[in-house]
Amino acid sequence: MTVLPRPESGRPYRVAVVCLGNICRSPMADVVLNDRVAAAGLGDLVEVESFGTGGWHAGNPMDVRAAATLTAAGYDATRHRARQFTRSTTGHDLVLAMDASNHSDLADLGVAGDRLLLFRSFDPSPDDDSVPDPYYGGDEGFAHVLDIVERASDALVEQLRALLDRRDADREEVGQ
């Protein structure tokens, strides 16, 4: 089981999901994870946002196929605008890379190793370490990514709940 890093402070636990261009995988994960966090009643305790390691799509909405896949599954895909993760992007308790290349790029950007994990490390039934990039494929690739993201998000939310419950219990012990 993957262990979440402890929060750095009392502020919301901040999670960044990161892929290459921030128009397919990471925005899909952002939308689903935010939905799962809210449904679990953790919306005030966990903040999720997405980024790409490349900046060529910055300011653009997500890929229309990613948005259509999310919309067909009942999610709101309208608010996303692509952003780039840079050395100045800081303050995240957990940074989740979509694949090994993104993981390497994030490590090169200075993300601490104890805060950097692969998103798929939370997938209870992984067939690979990476969330595959559907960009150059057909619609079925986006549906496959959504399946992966939903499974991993469900497992991640359970771990977030447990971590935040432990944090609250620790605070009560010390009288905060």
N, C-alpha and C. Protein backbone atom coordinates (compact mmCIF):
# COMPACT_ATOMS: atom_id res chain seq x y z
N MET A 1 0.84 -1.18 0.00
CA MET A 1 0.00 0.00 0.00
C MET A 1 0.88 1.25 0.00
N THR A 2 0.54 2.18 -0.83
CA THR A 2 1.26 3.44 -0.92
C THR A 2 0.95 4.30 0.30
N VAL A 3 1.97 4.90 0.87
CA VAL A 3 1.79 5.73 2.06
C VAL A 3 1.83 7.20 1.64
N LEU A 4 0.82 7.94 2.06
CA LEU A 4 0.76 9.37 1.76
C LEU A 4 1.71 10.14 2.65
N PRO A 5 2.36 11.17 2.11
CA PRO A 5 3.17 12.03 2.96
C PRO A 5 2.27 12.84 3.89
N ARG A 6 2.75 13.10 5.08
CA ARG A 6 1.98 13.89 6.04
C ARG A 6 1.86 15.32 5.54
N PRO A 7 0.77 15.99 5.90
CA PRO A 7 0.62 17.38 5.48
C PRO A 7 1.70 18.25 6.09
N GLU A 8 2.09 19.28 5.35
CA GLU A 8 3.13 20.19 5.83
C GLU A 8 2.62 21.15 6.89
N SER A 9 1.33 21.46 6.85
CA SER A 9 0.79 22.43 7.81
C SER A 9 -0.69 22.16 8.03
N GLY A 10 -1.34 23.06 8.74
CA GLY A 10 -2.76 22.90 9.03
C GLY A 10 -3.67 23.29 7.88
N ARG A 11 -3.13 23.84 6.82
CA ARG A 11 -3.95 24.24 5.69
C ARG A 11 -4.51 23.01 4.98
N PRO A 12 -5.38 23.20 4.01
CA PRO A 12 -5.86 22.01 3.29
C PRO A 12 -4.70 21.20 2.73
N TYR A 13 -4.89 19.91 2.68
CA TYR A 13 -3.91 19.01 2.07
C TYR A 13 -3.95 19.27 0.57
N ARG A 14 -2.82 19.69 0.01
CA ARG A 14 -2.78 20.10 -1.40
C ARG A 14 -2.19 19.00 -2.27
N VAL A 15 -2.96 18.63 -3.29
CA VAL A 15 -2.57 17.57 -4.22
C VAL A 15 -2.45 18.16 -5.62
N ALA A 16 -1.36 17.88 -6.30
CA ALA A 16 -1.19 18.25 -7.71
C ALA A 16 -1.11 16.97 -8.53
N VAL A 17 -1.89 16.91 -9.60
CA VAL A 17 -1.80 15.80 -10.56
C VAL A 17 -1.18 16.36 -11.83
N VAL A 18 -0.18 15.65 -12.36
CA VAL A 18 0.64 16.22 -13.43
C VAL A 18 0.86 15.21 -14.56
N CYS A 19 0.59 15.68 -15.79
CA CYS A 19 0.93 14.91 -16.98
C CYS A 19 1.82 15.77 -17.87
N LEU A 20 1.84 15.50 -19.15
CA LEU A 20 2.74 16.23 -20.04
C LEU A 20 2.20 17.61 -20.43
N GLY A 21 1.00 17.66 -21.02
CA GLY A 21 0.48 18.93 -21.53
C GLY A 21 -0.67 19.52 -20.75
N ASN A 22 -1.20 18.79 -19.77
CA ASN A 22 -2.32 19.22 -18.93
C ASN A 22 -3.59 19.44 -19.73
N ILE A 23 -3.81 18.55 -20.73
CA ILE A 23 -5.07 18.62 -21.47
C ILE A 23 -5.81 17.29 -21.51
N CYS A 24 -5.19 16.20 -21.07
CA CYS A 24 -5.86 14.89 -21.12
C CYS A 24 -5.91 14.23 -19.73
N ARG A 25 -4.81 13.57 -19.39
CA ARG A 25 -4.80 12.72 -18.19
C ARG A 25 -4.94 13.50 -16.89
N SER A 26 -4.10 14.50 -16.68
CA SER A 26 -4.15 15.19 -15.38
C SER A 26 -5.44 15.99 -15.20
N PRO A 27 -6.00 16.63 -16.24
CA PRO A 27 -7.29 17.29 -15.99
C PRO A 27 -8.40 16.29 -15.72
N MET A 28 -8.35 15.12 -16.36
CA MET A 28 -9.35 14.10 -16.07
C MET A 28 -9.22 13.67 -14.60
N ALA A 29 -7.99 13.46 -14.16
CA ALA A 29 -7.77 13.07 -12.77
C ALA A 29 -8.19 14.18 -11.82
N ASP A 30 -7.92 15.41 -12.17
CA ASP A 30 -8.30 16.57 -11.37
C ASP A 30 -9.82 16.60 -11.17
N VAL A 31 -10.57 16.49 -12.26
CA VAL A 31 -12.03 16.54 -12.20
C VAL A 31 -12.58 15.39 -11.36
N VAL A 32 -12.11 14.18 -11.62
CA VAL A 32 -12.61 13.01 -10.90
C VAL A 32 -12.22 13.07 -9.43
N LEU A 33 -10.97 13.38 -9.15
CA LEU A 33 -10.51 13.41 -7.77
C LEU A 33 -11.23 14.50 -6.98
N ASN A 34 -11.42 15.67 -7.58
CA ASN A 34 -12.19 16.72 -6.90
C ASN A 34 -13.62 16.27 -6.63
N ASP A 35 -14.22 15.57 -7.57
CA ASP A 35 -15.57 15.04 -7.38
C ASP A 35 -15.61 14.05 -6.22
N ARG A 36 -14.64 13.14 -6.18
CA ARG A 36 -14.59 12.13 -5.12
C ARG A 36 -14.31 12.76 -3.76
N VAL A 37 -13.43 13.76 -3.72
CA VAL A 37 -13.11 14.46 -2.48
C VAL A 37 -14.37 15.15 -1.93
N ALA A 38 -15.10 15.83 -2.81
CA ALA A 38 -16.32 16.51 -2.38
C ALA A 38 -17.37 15.51 -1.90
N ALA A 39 -17.54 14.41 -2.62
CA ALA A 39 -18.53 13.40 -2.24
C ALA A 39 -18.19 12.77 -0.89
N ALA A 40 -16.91 12.72 -0.56
CA ALA A 40 -16.47 12.14 0.72
C ALA A 40 -16.56 13.16 1.86
N GLY A 41 -16.99 14.38 1.55
CA GLY A 41 -17.08 15.42 2.58
C GLY A 41 -15.74 16.02 2.96
N LEU A 42 -14.76 15.88 2.08
CA LEU A 42 -13.41 16.37 2.37
C LEU A 42 -13.07 17.65 1.60
N GLY A 43 -14.06 18.27 0.98
CA GLY A 43 -13.82 19.43 0.13
C GLY A 43 -13.12 20.58 0.82
N ASP A 44 -13.36 20.76 2.11
CA ASP A 44 -12.69 21.84 2.84
C ASP A 44 -11.30 21.44 3.34
N LEU A 45 -10.99 20.16 3.24
CA LEU A 45 -9.74 19.64 3.79
C LEU A 45 -8.70 19.27 2.74
N VAL A 46 -9.14 19.11 1.49
CA VAL A 46 -8.25 18.67 0.42
C VAL A 46 -8.45 19.58 -0.79
N GLU A 47 -7.35 20.04 -1.35
CA GLU A 47 -7.37 20.88 -2.55
C GLU A 47 -6.62 20.15 -3.65
N VAL A 48 -7.27 19.99 -4.80
CA VAL A 48 -6.68 19.27 -5.93
C VAL A 48 -6.58 20.21 -7.12
N GLU A 49 -5.43 20.19 -7.79
CA GLU A 49 -5.27 20.96 -9.02
C GLU A 49 -4.36 20.18 -9.97
N SER A 50 -4.41 20.55 -11.25
CA SER A 50 -3.60 19.82 -12.22
C SER A 50 -2.69 20.74 -13.01
N PHE A 51 -1.64 20.12 -13.54
CA PHE A 51 -0.60 20.82 -14.28
C PHE A 51 -0.03 19.91 -15.36
N GLY A 52 0.73 20.50 -16.26
CA GLY A 52 1.53 19.76 -17.22
C GLY A 52 2.98 20.13 -17.03
N THR A 53 3.88 19.24 -17.41
CA THR A 53 5.30 19.58 -17.34
C THR A 53 5.70 20.47 -18.51
N GLY A 54 4.93 20.43 -19.59
CA GLY A 54 5.16 21.31 -20.73
C GLY A 54 4.16 22.45 -20.71
N GLY A 55 4.53 23.57 -21.29
CA GLY A 55 3.68 24.74 -21.24
C GLY A 55 2.98 25.12 -22.52
N TRP A 56 3.10 24.32 -23.58
CA TRP A 56 2.57 24.73 -24.88
C TRP A 56 1.05 24.79 -24.92
N HIS A 57 0.33 24.18 -23.98
CA HIS A 57 -1.15 24.25 -23.96
C HIS A 57 -1.66 25.22 -22.89
N ALA A 58 -0.77 25.92 -22.19
CA ALA A 58 -1.17 26.79 -21.08
C ALA A 58 -2.30 27.72 -21.51
N GLY A 59 -3.33 27.77 -20.68
CA GLY A 59 -4.49 28.62 -20.91
C GLY A 59 -5.60 27.96 -21.71
N ASN A 60 -5.32 26.82 -22.32
CA ASN A 60 -6.32 26.14 -23.15
C ASN A 60 -7.21 25.22 -22.32
N PRO A 61 -8.43 24.95 -22.80
CA PRO A 61 -9.27 23.95 -22.14
C PRO A 61 -8.70 22.56 -22.39
N MET A 62 -9.28 21.58 -21.72
CA MET A 62 -8.80 20.21 -21.93
C MET A 62 -9.18 19.72 -23.32
N ASP A 63 -8.53 18.70 -23.76
CA ASP A 63 -8.81 18.05 -25.04
C ASP A 63 -10.31 17.75 -25.12
N VAL A 64 -10.90 17.99 -26.29
CA VAL A 64 -12.36 17.80 -26.44
C VAL A 64 -12.77 16.36 -26.18
N ARG A 65 -11.90 15.40 -26.50
CA ARG A 65 -12.24 13.99 -26.25
C ARG A 65 -12.22 13.68 -24.76
N ALA A 66 -11.28 14.27 -24.03
CA ALA A 66 -11.25 14.10 -22.58
C ALA A 66 -12.49 14.72 -21.96
N ALA A 67 -12.83 15.91 -22.40
CA ALA A 67 -14.01 16.60 -21.87
C ALA A 67 -15.29 15.82 -22.19
N ALA A 68 -15.39 15.29 -23.41
CA ALA A 68 -16.58 14.52 -23.79
C ALA A 68 -16.70 13.24 -22.97
N THR A 69 -15.59 12.60 -22.71
CA THR A 69 -15.60 11.37 -21.90
C THR A 69 -16.06 11.68 -20.48
N LEU A 70 -15.54 12.75 -19.90
CA LEU A 70 -15.96 13.15 -18.56
C LEU A 70 -17.43 13.54 -18.53
N THR A 71 -17.86 14.34 -19.49
CA THR A 71 -19.25 14.80 -19.54
C THR A 71 -20.20 13.62 -19.68
N ALA A 72 -19.86 12.66 -20.52
CA ALA A 72 -20.71 11.48 -20.71
C ALA A 72 -20.83 10.67 -19.42
N ALA A 73 -19.82 10.76 -18.57
CA ALA A 73 -19.83 10.03 -17.29
C ALA A 73 -20.44 10.87 -16.16
N GLY A 74 -20.92 12.07 -16.48
CA GLY A 74 -21.60 12.89 -15.48
C GLY A 74 -20.73 13.90 -14.74
N TYR A 75 -19.53 14.14 -15.22
CA TYR A 75 -18.62 15.10 -14.59
C TYR A 75 -18.69 16.46 -15.30
N ASP A 76 -18.30 17.51 -14.59
CA ASP A 76 -18.22 18.84 -15.17
C ASP A 76 -16.79 19.09 -15.65
N ALA A 77 -16.62 19.15 -16.95
CA ALA A 77 -15.29 19.32 -17.54
C ALA A 77 -15.06 20.73 -18.07
N THR A 78 -15.89 21.68 -17.67
CA THR A 78 -15.87 23.00 -18.30
C THR A 78 -14.88 23.98 -17.69
N ARG A 79 -14.47 23.79 -16.45
CA ARG A 79 -13.68 24.82 -15.76
C ARG A 79 -12.18 24.74 -16.01
N HIS A 80 -11.70 23.67 -16.57
CA HIS A 80 -10.25 23.47 -16.70
C HIS A 80 -9.60 24.43 -17.68
N ARG A 81 -8.42 24.93 -17.29
CA ARG A 81 -7.52 25.66 -18.16
C ARG A 81 -6.11 25.14 -17.86
N ALA A 82 -5.41 24.75 -18.90
CA ALA A 82 -4.09 24.13 -18.74
C ALA A 82 -3.09 25.09 -18.09
N ARG A 83 -2.26 24.50 -17.22
CA ARG A 83 -1.19 25.26 -16.55
C ARG A 83 0.07 24.41 -16.56
N GLN A 84 1.20 25.08 -16.45
CA GLN A 84 2.49 24.38 -16.42
C GLN A 84 3.02 24.33 -15.00
N PHE A 85 3.54 23.17 -14.62
CA PHE A 85 4.23 22.99 -13.35
C PHE A 85 5.67 23.45 -13.56
N THR A 86 6.13 24.37 -12.73
CA THR A 86 7.50 24.89 -12.84
C THR A 86 8.20 24.81 -11.48
N ARG A 87 9.44 25.20 -11.45
CA ARG A 87 10.18 25.24 -10.17
C ARG A 87 9.50 26.15 -9.15
N SER A 88 8.77 27.14 -9.62
CA SER A 88 8.10 28.06 -8.69
C SER A 88 6.73 27.56 -8.23
N THR A 89 6.28 26.41 -8.75
CA THR A 89 5.03 25.81 -8.28
C THR A 89 5.34 25.09 -6.98
N THR A 90 4.86 25.62 -5.87
CA THR A 90 5.22 25.06 -4.57
C THR A 90 4.00 24.87 -3.68
N GLY A 91 4.24 24.25 -2.55
CA GLY A 91 3.23 24.14 -1.51
C GLY A 91 2.33 22.93 -1.60
N HIS A 92 2.66 21.97 -2.42
CA HIS A 92 1.84 20.77 -2.51
C HIS A 92 2.33 19.71 -1.54
N ASP A 93 1.40 19.11 -0.85
CA ASP A 93 1.73 18.02 0.06
C ASP A 93 2.02 16.74 -0.71
N LEU A 94 1.37 16.61 -1.86
CA LEU A 94 1.51 15.41 -2.68
C LEU A 94 1.47 15.81 -4.14
N VAL A 95 2.45 15.32 -4.92
CA VAL A 95 2.49 15.56 -6.36
C VAL A 95 2.42 14.19 -7.02
N LEU A 96 1.41 14.01 -7.87
CA LEU A 96 1.16 12.72 -8.51
C LEU A 96 1.45 12.82 -10.00
N ALA A 97 2.44 12.07 -10.45
CA ALA A 97 2.81 12.03 -11.86
C ALA A 97 2.02 10.94 -12.57
N MET A 98 1.65 11.21 -13.82
CA MET A 98 0.87 10.23 -14.58
C MET A 98 1.72 9.11 -15.17
N ASP A 99 3.01 9.37 -15.35
CA ASP A 99 3.88 8.31 -15.87
C ASP A 99 5.32 8.55 -15.41
N ALA A 100 6.19 7.61 -15.73
CA ALA A 100 7.59 7.69 -15.28
C ALA A 100 8.31 8.89 -15.85
N SER A 101 8.00 9.27 -17.08
CA SER A 101 8.64 10.45 -17.68
C SER A 101 8.23 11.71 -16.94
N ASN A 102 6.94 11.85 -16.63
CA ASN A 102 6.47 13.00 -15.84
C ASN A 102 7.12 12.99 -14.47
N HIS A 103 7.24 11.82 -13.87
CA HIS A 103 7.87 11.67 -12.55
C HIS A 103 9.30 12.18 -12.59
N SER A 104 10.05 11.78 -13.62
CA SER A 104 11.43 12.21 -13.78
C SER A 104 11.52 13.72 -13.98
N ASP A 105 10.63 14.26 -14.82
CA ASP A 105 10.61 15.71 -15.05
C ASP A 105 10.32 16.47 -13.75
N LEU A 106 9.40 15.98 -12.96
CA LEU A 106 9.05 16.64 -11.70
C LEU A 106 10.20 16.57 -10.70
N ALA A 107 10.88 15.43 -10.66
CA ALA A 107 12.06 15.33 -9.79
C ALA A 107 13.13 16.33 -10.23
N ASP A 108 13.31 16.47 -11.55
CA ASP A 108 14.27 17.44 -12.08
C ASP A 108 13.86 18.88 -11.73
N LEU A 109 12.56 19.11 -11.56
CA LEU A 109 12.08 20.44 -11.19
C LEU A 109 12.17 20.69 -9.68
N GLY A 110 12.66 19.70 -8.94
CA GLY A 110 12.90 19.89 -7.52
C GLY A 110 11.81 19.40 -6.59
N VAL A 111 10.84 18.65 -7.09
CA VAL A 111 9.82 18.10 -6.20
C VAL A 111 10.48 17.06 -5.30
N ALA A 112 10.28 17.22 -4.01
CA ALA A 112 10.90 16.31 -3.03
C ALA A 112 10.42 14.88 -3.25
N GLY A 113 11.35 13.95 -3.18
CA GLY A 113 11.05 12.54 -3.43
C GLY A 113 9.99 11.96 -2.52
N ASP A 114 9.91 12.44 -1.29
CA ASP A 114 8.90 11.89 -0.38
C ASP A 114 7.50 12.43 -0.67
N ARG A 115 7.39 13.43 -1.52
CA ARG A 115 6.10 14.03 -1.88
C ARG A 115 5.69 13.69 -3.32
N LEU A 116 6.54 12.99 -4.04
CA LEU A 116 6.33 12.68 -5.46
C LEU A 116 6.04 11.20 -5.65
N LEU A 117 4.86 10.90 -6.16
CA LEU A 117 4.44 9.52 -6.39
C LEU A 117 3.81 9.40 -7.77
N LEU A 118 3.70 8.18 -8.24
CA LEU A 118 2.95 7.93 -9.46
C LEU A 118 1.46 7.84 -9.11
N PHE A 119 0.61 8.46 -9.88
CA PHE A 119 -0.83 8.43 -9.65
C PHE A 119 -1.33 6.98 -9.60
N ARG A 120 -0.81 6.17 -10.46
CA ARG A 120 -1.28 4.78 -10.57
C ARG A 120 -0.86 3.93 -9.37
N SER A 121 0.00 4.45 -8.52
CA SER A 121 0.38 3.68 -7.33
C SER A 121 -0.81 3.50 -6.39
N PHE A 122 -1.90 4.23 -6.62
CA PHE A 122 -3.11 4.08 -5.81
C PHE A 122 -4.14 3.18 -6.48
N ASP A 123 -3.88 2.75 -7.71
CA ASP A 123 -4.82 1.90 -8.44
C ASP A 123 -4.82 0.50 -7.81
N PRO A 124 -5.97 0.05 -7.31
CA PRO A 124 -6.01 -1.26 -6.66
C PRO A 124 -5.83 -2.43 -7.63
N SER A 125 -5.99 -2.20 -8.93
CA SER A 125 -5.77 -3.28 -9.89
C SER A 125 -4.98 -2.78 -11.09
N PRO A 126 -3.72 -2.39 -10.84
CA PRO A 126 -2.92 -1.86 -11.94
C PRO A 126 -2.43 -2.95 -12.88
N ASP A 127 -2.36 -2.63 -14.16
CA ASP A 127 -1.73 -3.53 -15.12
C ASP A 127 -0.43 -2.89 -15.63
N ASP A 128 -0.12 -1.72 -15.05
CA ASP A 128 1.05 -0.95 -15.45
C ASP A 128 1.28 0.11 -14.37
N ASP A 129 2.45 0.74 -14.37
CA ASP A 129 2.72 1.83 -13.44
C ASP A 129 2.19 3.17 -13.93
N SER A 130 1.95 3.27 -15.23
CA SER A 130 1.60 4.55 -15.83
C SER A 130 0.12 4.63 -16.21
N VAL A 131 -0.39 5.85 -16.17
CA VAL A 131 -1.68 6.14 -16.79
C VAL A 131 -1.34 6.40 -18.26
N PRO A 132 -1.85 5.58 -19.18
CA PRO A 132 -1.45 5.73 -20.58
C PRO A 132 -1.94 7.06 -21.16
N ASP A 133 -1.15 7.62 -22.06
CA ASP A 133 -1.51 8.88 -22.70
C ASP A 133 -2.44 8.58 -23.87
N PRO A 134 -3.70 9.04 -23.81
CA PRO A 134 -4.66 8.72 -24.87
C PRO A 134 -4.62 9.69 -26.06
N TYR A 135 -3.78 10.69 -26.00
CA TYR A 135 -3.82 11.81 -26.94
C TYR A 135 -3.79 11.37 -28.41
N TYR A 136 -2.92 10.44 -28.76
CA TYR A 136 -2.76 10.06 -30.16
C TYR A 136 -3.63 8.87 -30.56
N GLY A 137 -4.54 8.46 -29.68
CA GLY A 137 -5.41 7.33 -29.98
C GLY A 137 -6.86 7.76 -30.15
N GLY A 138 -7.74 6.80 -30.05
CA GLY A 138 -9.16 7.05 -30.23
C GLY A 138 -9.89 7.25 -28.91
N ASP A 139 -11.20 7.34 -29.00
CA ASP A 139 -12.04 7.59 -27.83
C ASP A 139 -11.89 6.51 -26.76
N GLU A 140 -11.63 5.28 -27.17
CA GLU A 140 -11.51 4.18 -26.20
C GLU A 140 -10.36 4.42 -25.23
N GLY A 141 -9.32 5.10 -25.68
CA GLY A 141 -8.20 5.42 -24.80
C GLY A 141 -8.61 6.36 -23.67
N PHE A 142 -9.48 7.30 -23.96
CA PHE A 142 -9.96 8.23 -22.95
C PHE A 142 -10.87 7.52 -21.95
N ALA A 143 -11.69 6.59 -22.44
CA ALA A 143 -12.55 5.79 -21.55
C ALA A 143 -11.69 4.93 -20.63
N HIS A 144 -10.62 4.37 -21.17
CA HIS A 144 -9.70 3.55 -20.37
C HIS A 144 -9.03 4.40 -19.28
N VAL A 145 -8.59 5.59 -19.65
CA VAL A 145 -7.99 6.49 -18.66
C VAL A 145 -9.00 6.84 -17.58
N LEU A 146 -10.24 7.10 -17.95
CA LEU A 146 -11.26 7.42 -16.95
C LEU A 146 -11.45 6.25 -15.97
N ASP A 147 -11.48 5.03 -16.47
CA ASP A 147 -11.59 3.87 -15.58
C ASP A 147 -10.45 3.82 -14.58
N ILE A 148 -9.24 4.03 -15.06
CA ILE A 148 -8.06 4.01 -14.19
C ILE A 148 -8.15 5.13 -13.15
N VAL A 149 -8.48 6.33 -13.62
CA VAL A 149 -8.54 7.49 -12.75
C VAL A 149 -9.61 7.32 -11.67
N GLU A 150 -10.75 6.76 -12.04
CA GLU A 150 -11.81 6.56 -11.04
C GLU A 150 -11.38 5.55 -9.97
N ARG A 151 -10.77 4.44 -10.37
CA ARG A 151 -10.32 3.44 -9.40
C ARG A 151 -9.26 4.02 -8.47
N ALA A 152 -8.27 4.67 -9.05
CA ALA A 152 -7.17 5.22 -8.25
C ALA A 152 -7.68 6.34 -7.34
N SER A 153 -8.59 7.16 -7.84
CA SER A 153 -9.14 8.25 -7.04
C SER A 153 -9.91 7.74 -5.84
N ASP A 154 -10.69 6.69 -6.03
CA ASP A 154 -11.43 6.11 -4.91
C ASP A 154 -10.48 5.64 -3.82
N ALA A 155 -9.42 4.95 -4.22
CA ALA A 155 -8.45 4.45 -3.24
C ALA A 155 -7.69 5.60 -2.59
N LEU A 156 -7.35 6.61 -3.36
CA LEU A 156 -6.63 7.76 -2.82
C LEU A 156 -7.50 8.51 -1.81
N VAL A 157 -8.77 8.69 -2.10
CA VAL A 157 -9.65 9.40 -1.17
C VAL A 157 -9.75 8.65 0.15
N GLU A 158 -9.79 7.34 0.11
CA GLU A 158 -9.82 6.57 1.37
C GLU A 158 -8.55 6.80 2.18
N GLN A 159 -7.42 6.86 1.51
CA GLN A 159 -6.17 7.12 2.22
C GLN A 159 -6.12 8.55 2.73
N LEU A 160 -6.63 9.50 1.94
CA LEU A 160 -6.69 10.89 2.41
C LEU A 160 -7.56 11.00 3.65
N ARG A 161 -8.70 10.33 3.64
CA ARG A 161 -9.59 10.36 4.80
C ARG A 161 -8.87 9.82 6.04
N ALA A 162 -8.19 8.70 5.89
CA ALA A 162 -7.47 8.10 7.02
C ALA A 162 -6.35 9.02 7.51
N LEU A 163 -5.61 9.61 6.58
CA LEU A 163 -4.53 10.52 6.96
C LEU A 163 -5.06 11.73 7.70
N LEU A 164 -6.13 12.32 7.21
CA LEU A 164 -6.69 13.51 7.84
C LEU A 164 -7.34 13.18 9.18
N ASP A 165 -7.92 11.99 9.29
CA ASP A 165 -8.45 11.55 10.59
C ASP A 165 -7.33 11.40 11.61
N ARG A 166 -6.19 10.84 11.17
CA ARG A 166 -5.03 10.71 12.06
C ARG A 166 -4.50 12.08 12.46
N ARG A 167 -4.46 13.01 11.51
CA ARG A 167 -3.99 14.37 11.81
C ARG A 167 -4.89 15.01 12.86
N ASP A 168 -6.20 14.85 12.71
CA ASP A 168 -7.13 15.43 13.68
C ASP A 168 -6.98 14.77 15.05
N ALA A 169 -6.76 13.46 15.06
CA ALA A 169 -6.57 12.76 16.33
C ALA A 169 -5.28 13.22 17.01
N ASP A 170 -4.22 13.42 16.23
CA ASP A 170 -2.95 13.91 16.78
C ASP A 170 -3.11 15.30 17.38
N ARG A 171 -3.89 16.15 16.70
CA ARG A 171 -4.13 17.50 17.22
C ARG A 171 -4.90 17.45 18.54
N GLU A 172 -5.88 16.56 18.63
CA GLU A 172 -6.65 16.44 19.85
C GLU A 172 -5.78 15.97 21.02
N GLU A 173 -4.82 15.07 20.71
CA GLU A 173 -3.91 14.57 21.75
C GLU A 173 -3.07 15.68 22.34
N VAL A 174 -2.64 16.61 21.50
CA VAL A 174 -1.77 17.68 21.99
C VAL A 174 -2.58 18.93 22.38
N GLY A 175 -3.90 18.83 22.32
CA GLY A 175 -4.76 19.91 22.79
C GLY A 175 -4.85 21.10 21.89
N GLN A 176 -4.73 20.90 20.58
CA GLN A 176 -4.81 22.04 19.63
C GLN A 176 -6.23 22.24 19.18
